């Protein structure tokens, strides 16, 4: 059996995983004291806050691992814009429509 003693009461479960779900804390095996086949942890309010913070920090690291980075997309769009501007500047639009413009001037 696994026991968790807090200021709010005593929690018990068959396994560490069940106790984690029951208490809502990220308890680790090395935090417990062993008394024969039983595992016991005594937590103060400060310990509970620390363990809750530890759980939140681990979830933040996990979420950041799967976060999508927008920098490659922004870089690609910026690069395509620069290429389009260079293409437009390199093609002299006046030369393309030179004959069309001169036909209006000849009238």
PDB file of N, CA and C in Angstrom:
ATOM      1  N   UNK A   1       0.838  -1.177   0.000  1.00  0.00           N
ATOM      2  CA  UNK A   1       0.000   0.000   0.000  1.00  0.00           C
ATOM      3  C   UNK A   1       0.886   1.245   0.000  1.00  0.00           C
ATOM      4  N   UNK A   2       0.325   2.306  -0.531  1.00  0.00           N
ATOM      5  CA  UNK A   2       1.016   3.583  -0.618  1.00  0.00           C
ATOM      6  C   UNK A   2       0.166   4.608   0.126  1.00  0.00           C
ATOM      7  N   UNK A   3       0.805   5.364   1.023  1.00  0.00           N
ATOM      8  CA  UNK A   3       0.086   6.332   1.852  1.00  0.00           C
ATOM      9  C   UNK A   3       0.680   7.723   1.654  1.00  0.00           C
ATOM     10  N   UNK A   4      -0.211   8.717   1.633  1.00  0.00           N
ATOM     11  CA  UNK A   4       0.198  10.118   1.559  1.00  0.00           C
ATOM     12  C   UNK A   4      -0.491  10.857   2.699  1.00  0.00           C
ATOM     13  N   UNK A   5       0.309  11.417   3.604  1.00  0.00           N
ATOM     14  CA  UNK A   5      -0.229  12.131   4.760  1.00  0.00           C
ATOM     15  C   UNK A   5      -0.022  13.626   4.521  1.00  0.00           C
ATOM     16  N   UNK A   6      -1.132  14.369   4.448  1.00  0.00           N
ATOM     17  CA  UNK A   6      -1.073  15.820   4.264  1.00  0.00           C
ATOM     18  C   UNK A   6      -1.878  16.487   5.369  1.00  0.00           C
ATOM     19  N   UNK A   7      -1.883  17.813   5.377  1.00  0.00           N
ATOM     20  CA  UNK A   7      -2.679  18.549   6.349  1.00  0.00           C
ATOM     21  C   UNK A   7      -4.176  18.395   6.072  1.00  0.00           C
ATOM     22  N   UNK A   8      -4.522  18.013   4.851  1.00  0.00           N
ATOM     23  CA  UNK A   8      -5.924  17.828   4.464  1.00  0.00           C
ATOM     24  C   UNK A   8      -6.441  16.436   4.817  1.00  0.00           C
ATOM     25  N   UNK A   9      -5.553  15.511   5.085  1.00  0.00           N
ATOM     26  CA  UNK A   9      -5.981  14.161   5.426  1.00  0.00           C
ATOM     27  C   UNK A   9      -4.984  13.116   4.983  1.00  0.00           C
ATOM     28  N   UNK A  10      -5.401  11.864   5.124  1.00  0.00           N
ATOM     29  CA  UNK A  10      -4.557  10.731   4.746  1.00  0.00           C
ATOM     30  C   UNK A  10      -5.170  10.079   3.513  1.00  0.00           C
ATOM     31  N   UNK A  11      -4.331   9.857   2.514  1.00  0.00           N
ATOM     32  CA  UNK A  11      -4.763   9.210   1.280  1.00  0.00           C
ATOM     33  C   UNK A  11      -4.024   7.888   1.158  1.00  0.00           C
ATOM     34  N   UNK A  12      -4.733   6.877   0.675  1.00  0.00           N
ATOM     35  CA  UNK A  12      -4.097   5.577   0.473  1.00  0.00           C
ATOM     36  C   UNK A  12      -4.539   5.006  -0.860  1.00  0.00           C
ATOM     37  N   UNK A  13      -3.655   4.201  -1.428  1.00  0.00           N
ATOM     38  CA  UNK A  13      -3.945   3.554  -2.704  1.00  0.00           C
ATOM     39  C   UNK A  13      -3.105   2.290  -2.804  1.00  0.00           C
ATOM     40  N   UNK A  14      -3.466   1.468  -3.773  1.00  0.00           N
ATOM     41  CA  UNK A  14      -2.739   0.214  -3.981  1.00  0.00           C
ATOM     42  C   UNK A  14      -1.376   0.450  -4.626  1.00  0.00           C
ATOM     43  N   UNK A  15      -1.332   1.380  -5.581  1.00  0.00           N
ATOM     44  CA  UNK A  15      -0.082   1.644  -6.297  1.00  0.00           C
ATOM     45  C   UNK A  15       0.207   3.143  -6.287  1.00  0.00           C
ATOM     46  N   UNK A  16       1.409   3.474  -6.661  1.00  0.00           N
ATOM     47  CA  UNK A  16       1.815   4.876  -6.723  1.00  0.00           C
ATOM     48  C   UNK A  16       1.011   5.626  -7.780  1.00  0.00           C
ATOM     49  N   UNK A  17       0.736   4.982  -8.896  1.00  0.00           N
ATOM     50  CA  UNK A  17      -0.036   5.621  -9.967  1.00  0.00           C
ATOM     51  C   UNK A  17      -1.447   5.964  -9.500  1.00  0.00           C
ATOM     52  N   UNK A  18      -2.080   5.056  -8.766  1.00  0.00           N
ATOM     53  CA  UNK A  18      -3.421   5.336  -8.243  1.00  0.00           C
ATOM     54  C   UNK A  18      -3.387   6.489  -7.239  1.00  0.00           C
ATOM     55  N   UNK A  19      -2.349   6.539  -6.429  1.00  0.00           N
ATOM     56  CA  UNK A  19      -2.223   7.620  -5.451  1.00  0.00           C
ATOM     57  C   UNK A  19      -2.003   8.961  -6.155  1.00  0.00           C
ATOM     58  N   UNK A  20      -1.220   8.958  -7.221  1.00  0.00           N
ATOM     59  CA  UNK A  20      -1.005  10.189  -7.988  1.00  0.00           C
ATOM     60  C   UNK A  20      -2.325  10.738  -8.516  1.00  0.00           C
ATOM     61  N   UNK A  21      -3.167   9.846  -9.042  1.00  0.00           N
ATOM     62  CA  UNK A  21      -4.465  10.274  -9.567  1.00  0.00           C
ATOM     63  C   UNK A  21      -5.382  10.754  -8.451  1.00  0.00           C
ATOM     64  N   UNK A  22      -5.326  10.088  -7.325  1.00  0.00           N
ATOM     65  CA  UNK A  22      -6.204  10.429  -6.207  1.00  0.00           C
ATOM     66  C   UNK A  22      -5.831  11.780  -5.601  1.00  0.00           C
ATOM     67  N   UNK A  23      -4.540  12.016  -5.425  1.00  0.00           N
ATOM     68  CA  UNK A  23      -4.067  13.241  -4.782  1.00  0.00           C
ATOM     69  C   UNK A  23      -3.895  14.376  -5.795  1.00  0.00           C
ATOM     70  N   UNK A  24      -3.590  14.041  -7.039  1.00  0.00           N
ATOM     71  CA  UNK A  24      -3.372  15.056  -8.064  1.00  0.00           C
ATOM     72  C   UNK A  24      -1.996  15.688  -8.005  1.00  0.00           C
ATOM     73  N   UNK A  25      -1.026  14.949  -7.523  1.00  0.00           N
ATOM     74  CA  UNK A  25       0.340  15.444  -7.400  1.00  0.00           C
ATOM     75  C   UNK A  25       1.287  14.541  -8.180  1.00  0.00           C
ATOM     76  N   UNK A  26       2.420  15.103  -8.555  1.00  0.00           N
ATOM     77  CA  UNK A  26       3.445  14.337  -9.272  1.00  0.00           C
ATOM     78  C   UNK A  26       4.420  13.751  -8.257  1.00  0.00           C
ATOM     79  N   UNK A  27       3.989  12.709  -7.594  1.00  0.00           N
ATOM     80  CA  UNK A  27       4.811  12.065  -6.565  1.00  0.00           C
ATOM     81  C   UNK A  27       5.796  11.110  -7.226  1.00  0.00           C
ATOM     82  N   UNK A  28       6.991  11.051  -6.668  1.00  0.00           N
ATOM     83  CA  UNK A  28       8.016  10.151  -7.195  1.00  0.00           C
ATOM     84  C   UNK A  28       8.386   9.137  -6.128  1.00  0.00           C
ATOM     85  N   UNK A  29       8.844   7.990  -6.582  1.00  0.00           N
ATOM     86  CA  UNK A  29       9.139   6.887  -5.665  1.00  0.00           C
ATOM     87  C   UNK A  29      10.223   7.256  -4.654  1.00  0.00           C
ATOM     88  N   UNK A  30      11.186   8.074  -5.075  1.00  0.00           N
ATOM     89  CA  UNK A  30      12.272   8.432  -4.161  1.00  0.00           C
ATOM     90  C   UNK A  30      11.835   9.402  -3.061  1.00  0.00           C
ATOM     91  N   UNK A  31      10.637   9.991  -3.186  1.00  0.00           N
ATOM     92  CA  UNK A  31      10.117  10.881  -2.141  1.00  0.00           C
ATOM     93  C   UNK A  31       9.550  10.108  -0.949  1.00  0.00           C
ATOM     94  N   UNK A  32       9.288   8.838  -1.116  1.00  0.00           N
ATOM     95  CA  UNK A  32       8.615   8.037  -0.087  1.00  0.00           C
ATOM     96  C   UNK A  32       9.610   7.398   0.880  1.00  0.00           C
ATOM     97  N   UNK A  33       9.115   7.124   2.086  1.00  0.00           N
ATOM     98  CA  UNK A  33       9.855   6.319   3.063  1.00  0.00           C
ATOM     99  C   UNK A  33       9.217   4.937   3.059  1.00  0.00           C
ATOM    100  N   UNK A  34      10.053   3.917   3.144  1.00  0.00           N
ATOM    101  CA  UNK A  34       9.564   2.545   3.080  1.00  0.00           C
ATOM    102  C   UNK A  34       9.482   1.960   4.487  1.00  0.00           C
ATOM    103  N   UNK A  35       8.319   1.405   4.782  1.00  0.00           N
ATOM    104  CA  UNK A  35       8.089   0.688   6.035  1.00  0.00           C
ATOM    105  C   UNK A  35       7.600  -0.705   5.664  1.00  0.00           C
ATOM    106  N   UNK A  36       8.528  -1.617   5.490  1.00  0.00           N
ATOM    107  CA  UNK A  36       8.169  -2.956   5.025  1.00  0.00           C
ATOM    108  C   UNK A  36       7.664  -2.862   3.594  1.00  0.00           C
ATOM    109  N   UNK A  37       6.510  -3.436   3.303  1.00  0.00           N
ATOM    110  CA  UNK A  37       5.973  -3.361   1.943  1.00  0.00           C
ATOM    111  C   UNK A  37       5.248  -2.041   1.663  1.00  0.00           C
ATOM    112  N   UNK A  38       5.051  -1.226   2.697  1.00  0.00           N
ATOM    113  CA  UNK A  38       4.299   0.021   2.541  1.00  0.00           C
ATOM    114  C   UNK A  38       5.235   1.192   2.251  1.00  0.00           C
ATOM    115  N   UNK A  39       4.686   2.162   1.514  1.00  0.00           N
ATOM    116  CA  UNK A  39       5.411   3.396   1.215  1.00  0.00           C
ATOM    117  C   UNK A  39       4.613   4.552   1.810  1.00  0.00           C
ATOM    118  N   UNK A  40       5.296   5.456   2.522  1.00  0.00           N
ATOM    119  CA  UNK A  40       4.613   6.556   3.201  1.00  0.00           C
ATOM    120  C   UNK A  40       5.336   7.858   2.874  1.00  0.00           C
ATOM    121  N   UNK A  41       4.536   8.899   2.620  1.00  0.00           N
ATOM    122  CA  UNK A  41       5.093  10.235   2.440  1.00  0.00           C
ATOM    123  C   UNK A  41       4.290  11.192   3.306  1.00  0.00           C
ATOM    124  N   UNK A  42       4.990  12.064   4.024  1.00  0.00           N
ATOM    125  CA  UNK A  42       4.359  13.053   4.888  1.00  0.00           C
ATOM    126  C   UNK A  42       4.623  14.424   4.276  1.00  0.00           C
ATOM    127  N   UNK A  43       3.557  15.121   3.875  1.00  0.00           N
ATOM    128  CA  UNK A  43       3.710  16.383   3.164  1.00  0.00           C
ATOM    129  C   UNK A  43       3.108  17.539   3.955  1.00  0.00           C
ATOM    130  N   UNK A  44       3.853  18.625   4.054  1.00  0.00           N
ATOM    131  CA  UNK A  44       3.314  19.860   4.608  1.00  0.00           C
ATOM    132  C   UNK A  44       2.692  20.654   3.460  1.00  0.00           C
ATOM    133  N   UNK A  45       2.062  21.763   3.774  1.00  0.00           N
ATOM    134  CA  UNK A  45       1.457  22.604   2.733  1.00  0.00           C
ATOM    135  C   UNK A  45       2.528  23.123   1.774  1.00  0.00           C
ATOM    136  N   UNK A  46       3.683  23.411   2.319  1.00  0.00           N
ATOM    137  CA  UNK A  46       4.790  23.886   1.487  1.00  0.00           C
ATOM    138  C   UNK A  46       5.280  22.791   0.535  1.00  0.00           C
ATOM    139  N   UNK A  47       5.337  21.561   1.021  1.00  0.00           N
ATOM    140  CA  UNK A  47       5.736  20.435   0.170  1.00  0.00           C
ATOM    141  C   UNK A  47       4.727  20.214  -0.952  1.00  0.00           C
ATOM    142  N   UNK A  48       3.444  20.338  -0.619  1.00  0.00           N
ATOM    143  CA  UNK A  48       2.393  20.156  -1.631  1.00  0.00           C
ATOM    144  C   UNK A  48       2.532  21.221  -2.714  1.00  0.00           C
ATOM    145  N   UNK A  49       2.786  22.468  -2.319  1.00  0.00           N
ATOM    146  CA  UNK A  49       2.986  23.537  -3.302  1.00  0.00           C
ATOM    147  C   UNK A  49       4.188  23.244  -4.195  1.00  0.00           C
ATOM    148  N   UNK A  50       5.267  22.769  -3.602  1.00  0.00           N
ATOM    149  CA  UNK A  50       6.466  22.454  -4.380  1.00  0.00           C
ATOM    150  C   UNK A  50       6.186  21.341  -5.391  1.00  0.00           C
ATOM    151  N   UNK A  51       5.486  20.309  -4.965  1.00  0.00           N
ATOM    152  CA  UNK A  51       5.198  19.182  -5.861  1.00  0.00           C
ATOM    153  C   UNK A  51       4.235  19.608  -6.964  1.00  0.00           C
ATOM    154  N   UNK A  52       3.271  20.486  -6.646  1.00  0.00           N
ATOM    155  CA  UNK A  52       2.376  20.995  -7.682  1.00  0.00           C
ATOM    156  C   UNK A  52       3.151  21.825  -8.702  1.00  0.00           C
ATOM    157  N   UNK A  53       4.083  22.651  -8.214  1.00  0.00           N
ATOM    158  CA  UNK A  53       4.910  23.441  -9.130  1.00  0.00           C
ATOM    159  C   UNK A  53       5.772  22.539 -10.004  1.00  0.00           C
ATOM    160  N   UNK A  54       6.291  21.479  -9.433  1.00  0.00           N
ATOM    161  CA  UNK A  54       7.107  20.527 -10.195  1.00  0.00           C
ATOM    162  C   UNK A  54       6.271  19.887 -11.306  1.00  0.00           C
ATOM    163  N   UNK A  55       5.009  19.583 -11.011  1.00  0.00           N
ATOM    164  CA  UNK A  55       4.118  18.992 -12.013  1.00  0.00           C
ATOM    165  C   UNK A  55       3.833  19.998 -13.128  1.00  0.00           C
ATOM    166  N   UNK A  56       3.596  21.259 -12.768  1.00  0.00           N
ATOM    167  CA  UNK A  56       3.328  22.282 -13.776  1.00  0.00           C
ATOM    168  C   UNK A  56       4.550  22.525 -14.653  1.00  0.00           C
ATOM    169  N   UNK A  57       5.728  22.542 -14.062  1.00  0.00           N
ATOM    170  CA  UNK A  57       6.941  22.748 -14.847  1.00  0.00           C
ATOM    171  C   UNK A  57       7.178  21.612 -15.833  1.00  0.00           C
ATOM    172  N   UNK A  58       6.914  20.395 -15.422  1.00  0.00           N
ATOM    173  CA  UNK A  58       7.109  19.272 -16.340  1.00  0.00           C
ATOM    174  C   UNK A  58       6.102  19.322 -17.479  1.00  0.00           C
ATOM    175  N   UNK A  59       4.874  19.778 -17.210  1.00  0.00           N
ATOM    176  CA  UNK A  59       3.886  19.875 -18.286  1.00  0.00           C
ATOM    177  C   UNK A  59       4.237  21.005 -19.243  1.00  0.00           C
ATOM    178  N   UNK A  60       4.817  22.094 -18.742  1.00  0.00           N
ATOM    179  CA  UNK A  60       5.235  23.194 -19.610  1.00  0.00           C
ATOM    180  C   UNK A  60       6.331  22.726 -20.556  1.00  0.00           C
ATOM    181  N   UNK A  61       7.314  22.006 -20.039  1.00  0.00           N
ATOM    182  CA  UNK A  61       8.389  21.504 -20.895  1.00  0.00           C
ATOM    183  C   UNK A  61       7.838  20.555 -21.953  1.00  0.00           C
ATOM    184  N   UNK A  62       6.869  19.738 -21.586  1.00  0.00           N
ATOM    185  CA  UNK A  62       6.286  18.794 -22.528  1.00  0.00           C
ATOM    186  C   UNK A  62       5.521  19.536 -23.622  1.00  0.00           C
ATOM    187  N   UNK A  63       4.760  20.576 -23.258  1.00  0.00           N
ATOM    188  CA  UNK A  63       4.005  21.339 -24.249  1.00  0.00           C
ATOM    189  C   UNK A  63       4.934  22.136 -25.157  1.00  0.00           C
ATOM    190  N   UNK A  64       6.017  22.658 -24.624  1.00  0.00           N
ATOM    191  CA  UNK A  64       6.957  23.401 -25.452  1.00  0.00           C
ATOM    192  C   UNK A  64       7.666  22.493 -26.451  1.00  0.00           C
ATOM    193  N   UNK A  65       7.790  21.226 -26.133  1.00  0.00           N
ATOM    194  CA  UNK A  65       8.428  20.281 -27.044  1.00  0.00           C
ATOM    195  C   UNK A  65       7.626  20.138 -28.334  1.00  0.00           C
ATOM    196  N   UNK A  66       6.297  20.227 -28.252  1.00  0.00           N
ATOM    197  CA  UNK A  66       5.437  20.048 -29.419  1.00  0.00           C
ATOM    198  C   UNK A  66       4.923  21.368 -29.983  1.00  0.00           C
ATOM    199  N   UNK A  67       5.422  22.483 -29.491  1.00  0.00           N
ATOM    200  CA  UNK A  67       4.970  23.781 -29.973  1.00  0.00           C
ATOM    201  C   UNK A  67       5.455  23.999 -31.400  1.00  0.00           C
ATOM    202  N   UNK A  68       4.599  24.599 -32.236  1.00  0.00           N
ATOM    203  CA  UNK A  68       4.972  24.870 -33.620  1.00  0.00           C
ATOM    204  C   UNK A  68       5.716  26.198 -33.679  1.00  0.00           C
ATOM    205  N   UNK A  69       6.825  26.190 -34.361  1.00  0.00           N
ATOM    206  CA  UNK A  69       7.643  27.391 -34.485  1.00  0.00           C
ATOM    207  C   UNK A  69       7.279  28.107 -35.786  1.00  0.00           C
ATOM    208  N   UNK A  70       6.809  29.360 -35.737  1.00  0.00           N
ATOM    209  CA  UNK A  70       6.398  30.062 -36.961  1.00  0.00           C
ATOM    210  C   UNK A  70       7.555  30.693 -37.730  1.00  0.00           C
ATOM    211  N   UNK A  71       8.760  30.662 -37.197  1.00  0.00           N
ATOM    212  CA  UNK A  71       9.879  31.337 -37.845  1.00  0.00           C
ATOM    213  C   UNK A  71      10.189  30.813 -39.250  1.00  0.00           C
ATOM    214  N   UNK A  72      10.195  29.498 -39.511  1.00  0.00           N
ATOM    215  CA  UNK A  72      10.473  29.055 -40.889  1.00  0.00           C
ATOM    216  C   UNK A  72       9.432  29.551 -41.892  1.00  0.00           C
ATOM    217  N   UNK A  73       8.168  29.600 -41.486  1.00  0.00           N
ATOM    218  CA  UNK A  73       7.110  30.080 -42.380  1.00  0.00           C
ATOM    219  C   UNK A  73       7.299  31.563 -42.671  1.00  0.00           C
ATOM    220  N   UNK A  74       7.586  32.337 -41.640  1.00  0.00           N
ATOM    221  CA  UNK A  74       7.805  33.776 -41.825  1.00  0.00           C
ATOM    222  C   UNK A  74       9.023  34.011 -42.715  1.00  0.00           C
ATOM    223  N   UNK A  75      10.092  33.253 -42.480  1.00  0.00           N
ATOM    224  CA  UNK A  75      11.295  33.392 -43.298  1.00  0.00           C
ATOM    225  C   UNK A  75      11.004  33.044 -44.755  1.00  0.00           C
ATOM    226  N   UNK A  76      10.228  31.987 -44.999  1.00  0.00           N
ATOM    227  CA  UNK A  76       9.879  31.583 -46.360  1.00  0.00           C
ATOM    228  C   UNK A  76       9.073  32.676 -47.059  1.00  0.00           C
ATOM    229  N   UNK A  77       8.065  33.236 -46.379  1.00  0.00           N
ATOM    230  CA  UNK A  77       7.246  34.288 -46.987  1.00  0.00           C
ATOM    231  C   UNK A  77       8.070  35.541 -47.267  1.00  0.00           C
ATOM    232  N   UNK A  78       8.956  35.885 -46.368  1.00  0.00           N
ATOM    233  CA  UNK A  78       9.827  37.041 -46.572  1.00  0.00           C
ATOM    234  C   UNK A  78      10.753  36.812 -47.766  1.00  0.00           C
ATOM    235  N   UNK A  79      11.284  35.626 -47.867  1.00  0.00           N
ATOM    236  CA  UNK A  79      12.181  35.298 -48.976  1.00  0.00           C
ATOM    237  C   UNK A  79      11.428  35.335 -50.311  1.00  0.00           C
ATOM    238  N   UNK A  80      10.211  34.801 -50.354  1.00  0.00           N
ATOM    239  CA  UNK A  80       9.420  34.825 -51.586  1.00  0.00           C
ATOM    240  C   UNK A  80       9.056  36.259 -51.974  1.00  0.00           C
ATOM    241  N   UNK A  81       8.787  37.102 -50.992  1.00  0.00           N
ATOM    242  CA  UNK A  81       8.477  38.508 -51.282  1.00  0.00           C
ATOM    243  C   UNK A  81       9.684  39.209 -51.887  1.00  0.00           C
ATOM    244  N   UNK A  82      10.856  38.959 -51.339  1.00  0.00           N
ATOM    245  CA  UNK A  82      12.079  39.579 -51.868  1.00  0.00           C
ATOM    246  C   UNK A  82      12.357  39.087 -53.281  1.00  0.00           C
ATOM    247  N   UNK A  83      12.154  37.807 -53.535  1.00  0.00           N
ATOM    248  CA  UNK A  83      12.360  37.262 -54.881  1.00  0.00           C
ATOM    249  C   UNK A  83      11.378  37.893 -55.863  1.00  0.00           C
ATOM    250  N   UNK A  84      10.115  38.061 -55.457  1.00  0.00           N
ATOM    251  CA  UNK A  84       9.114  38.674 -56.332  1.00  0.00           C
ATOM    252  C   UNK A  84       9.472  40.126 -56.632  1.00  0.00           C
ATOM    253  N   UNK A  85       9.918  40.864 -55.632  1.00  0.00           N
ATOM    254  CA  UNK A  85      10.311  42.263 -55.849  1.00  0.00           C
ATOM    255  C   UNK A  85      11.513  42.334 -56.783  1.00  0.00           C
ATOM    256  N   UNK A  86      12.488  41.460 -56.584  1.00  0.00           N
ATOM    257  CA  UNK A  86      13.660  41.434 -57.478  1.00  0.00           C
ATOM    258  C   UNK A  86      13.265  41.082 -58.903  1.00  0.00           C
ATOM    259  N   UNK A  87      12.341  40.170 -59.070  1.00  0.00           N
ATOM    260  CA  UNK A  87      11.885  39.779 -60.403  1.00  0.00           C
ATOM    261  C   UNK A  87      11.191  40.940 -61.094  1.00  0.00           C
ATOM    262  N   UNK A  88      10.336  41.626 -60.378  1.00  0.00           N
ATOM    263  CA  UNK A  88       9.625  42.770 -60.956  1.00  0.00           C
ATOM    264  C   UNK A  88      10.602  43.886 -61.304  1.00  0.00           C
ATOM    265  N   UNK A  89      11.574  44.136 -60.433  1.00  0.00           N
ATOM    266  CA  UNK A  89      12.543  45.203 -60.690  1.00  0.00           C
ATOM    267  C   UNK A  89      13.481  44.838 -61.844  1.00  0.00           C
ATOM    268  N   UNK A  90      13.793  43.573 -62.011  1.00  0.00           N
ATOM    269  CA  UNK A  90      14.724  43.179 -63.076  1.00  0.00           C
ATOM    270  C   UNK A  90      14.058  43.205 -64.448  1.00  0.00           C
ATOM    271  N   UNK A  91      12.778  43.000 -64.494  1.00  0.00           N
ATOM    272  CA  UNK A  91      12.060  43.067 -65.771  1.00  0.00           C
ATOM    273  C   UNK A  91      11.649  44.521 -65.969  1.00  0.00           C
ATOM    274  N   UNK A  92      12.115  45.080 -67.019  1.00  0.00           N
ATOM    275  CA  UNK A  92      11.754  46.461 -67.304  1.00  0.00           C
ATOM    276  C   UNK A  92      10.380  46.449 -67.953  1.00  0.00           C
ATOM    277  N   UNK A  93       9.378  46.835 -67.199  1.00  0.00           N
ATOM    278  CA  UNK A  93       7.995  46.764 -67.671  1.00  0.00           C
ATOM    279  C   UNK A  93       7.796  47.677 -68.885  1.00  0.00           C
ATOM    280  N   UNK A  94       8.537  48.755 -68.929  1.00  0.00           N
ATOM    281  CA  UNK A  94       8.401  49.666 -70.063  1.00  0.00           C
ATOM    282  C   UNK A  94       8.783  48.967 -71.365  1.00  0.00           C
ATOM    283  N   UNK A  95       9.850  48.149 -71.322  1.00  0.00           N
ATOM    284  CA  UNK A  95      10.274  47.450 -72.535  1.00  0.00           C
ATOM    285  C   UNK A  95       9.248  46.415 -72.972  1.00  0.00           C
ATOM    286  N   UNK A  96       8.542  45.815 -72.067  1.00  0.00           N
ATOM    287  CA  UNK A  96       7.542  44.812 -72.426  1.00  0.00           C
ATOM    288  C   UNK A  96       6.379  45.463 -73.161  1.00  0.00           C
ATOM    289  N   UNK A  97       5.958  46.607 -72.653  1.00  0.00           N
ATOM    290  CA  UNK A  97       4.794  47.268 -73.245  1.00  0.00           C
ATOM    291  C   UNK A  97       5.185  48.449 -74.140  1.00  0.00           C
ATOM    292  N   UNK A  98       6.423  48.486 -74.592  1.00  0.00           N
ATOM    293  CA  UNK A  98       6.918  49.600 -75.387  1.00  0.00           C
ATOM    294  C   UNK A  98       6.115  49.764 -76.678  1.00  0.00           C
ATOM    295  N   UNK A  99       5.904  48.670 -77.348  1.00  0.00           N
ATOM    296  CA  UNK A  99       5.143  48.739 -78.594  1.00  0.00           C
ATOM    297  C   UNK A  99       3.703  49.150 -78.354  1.00  0.00           C
ATOM    298  N   UNK A 100       3.121  48.688 -77.285  1.00  0.00           N
ATOM    299  CA  UNK A 100       1.732  49.024 -76.967  1.00  0.00           C
ATOM    300  C   UNK A 100       1.609  50.513 -76.652  1.00  0.00           C
ATOM    301  N   UNK A 101       2.563  51.062 -75.919  1.00  0.00           N
ATOM    302  CA  UNK A 101       2.527  52.478 -75.539  1.00  0.00           C
ATOM    303  C   UNK A 101       2.793  53.357 -76.762  1.00  0.00           C
ATOM    304  N   UNK A 102       3.717  52.951 -77.635  1.00  0.00           N
ATOM    305  CA  UNK A 102       4.018  53.731 -78.834  1.00  0.00           C
ATOM    306  C   UNK A 102       2.843  53.750 -79.796  1.00  0.00           C
ATOM    307  N   UNK A 103       2.022  52.707 -79.796  1.00  0.00           N
ATOM    308  CA  UNK A 103       0.862  52.699 -80.688  1.00  0.00           C
ATOM    309  C   UNK A 103      -0.141  53.778 -80.290  1.00  0.00           C
ATOM    310  N   UNK A 104      -0.223  54.118 -79.032  1.00  0.00           N
ATOM    311  CA  UNK A 104      -1.110  55.203 -78.605  1.00  0.00           C
ATOM    312  C   UNK A 104      -0.507  56.559 -78.967  1.00  0.00           C
ATOM    313  N   UNK A 105       0.807  56.648 -78.939  1.00  0.00           N
ATOM    314  CA  UNK A 105       1.466  57.911 -79.274  1.00  0.00           C
ATOM    315  C   UNK A 105       1.427  58.194 -80.771  1.00  0.00           C
ATOM    316  N   UNK A 106       1.311  57.181 -81.603  1.00  0.00           N
ATOM    317  CA  UNK A 106       1.308  57.356 -83.045  1.00  0.00           C
ATOM    318  C   UNK A 106      -0.030  57.871 -83.543  1.00  0.00           C
ATOM    319  N   UNK A 107      -1.071  57.800 -82.771  1.00  0.00           N
ATOM    320  CA  UNK A 107      -2.386  58.243 -83.223  1.00  0.00           C
ATOM    321  C   UNK A 107      -2.369  59.703 -83.319  1.00  0.00           C
TER     322      UNK A 107
END
